[in-house]
């Protein structure tokens, strides 16, 4: 490979040799210490390659020897320079390209996120962008330690992070926080507390000491079953408190809908606009103005990637649709409020029993309102681990 590079820099010529006893040329080349390679036989002679400087010497050596040479190909840097010697823009453009590459190599153009499982990469990239680290950032201005601290403050679900910059690429490695497991190991000593203010209706203790009874009122956080048990001899021991405690609780929920709502329908007008982001710079690809008073905008972003690595180029497509907005009064407002109520009950009281509910309808200048008071029977047990030191 190195020999081919040196030959290209010096420049070489491939030529054919014919005449009376053309093989004498090899003897003349060896006698005068010239360099040659790639001898191939041809009809009435052969073909050979030689550096440009040696070929000029050879022309004077074979004069009068009845040997004819004919150049077939010219290759190498000297011939390239001769071809473009009158094109001043080429060396200037080459020099500018080299300078541009050197300058751009000091900026971060590709950011990848690794190690995340439950946190989407785009959320981490958004937090990085909010803290001043994005494509086009000067790599010398990045304080990786300070950036790590800021991101972890904004995203508590990340317990460890590092930013490694190599050339124009930044690799963000993250480790997500562990979820605190529920205390359900029967060997773990714990108490049971109340999860809400309630009136106890039923209590069953499987292990531990009951500190309340049916008919008692309790407040949130009050100890219901203690993990401390007293033996007959008066000694105490710690156990895993276990039991079922049901109580009657109260909830209040307010549902509201506006008396009038906007009816939005497409008219038919549409504008497609595109923008390009390249090396941190954003510029429009078209300049269509928005002439609609009311419109809906949908934006899609396309990234250019190679082997799952995002390159510093994005195309953003914005579709703008003309809309007609009309204000219409709401009909059957009680039915709409009850639908909200049913949806709320389905999710909020999934594993709870609704004993009773009271509905009160009212209205303001702008809204219809439904206020519902619930009486719920639910399980109140909340495990609180006992820390033994």
Foldseek 3Di string as FASTA:
>chain_A
DVVVQVCQAQKKFKKWKAFDPRVVLVVVCVVVVFDWDDWADDVRTIMIMGGPVSVVVSVVVCVPVGMDMDTDDIHHDVVVCVVCVVPVVVVVVVVVVVVVLVVLQQFAWFEEEDADDPDDPVVLQVQLVVVPDDQQHGNVVDDFVVSFVSSCVVPVQWPDWTWDDDGRYIYIYTHGDDDDDDPDPQAFFWFWWFQAWFQWQDKDWPDAAAPDGHRDTDGGGHTGGHQWDADPVGDIDGGHTDIWIKGKDKDKDKDKDWQKDKDKDFDDDKDKWKWKFASNDIDTPDDDDDPAPDKDKDKDKDFDDDPPTTGNMMMIIIMITHMDIDIGGDPPVVVVRVVVVVVCCCPVQVPKAWPDKDWDWDDDPTMTMIMMMTIIMDTTIDIGGDDDD
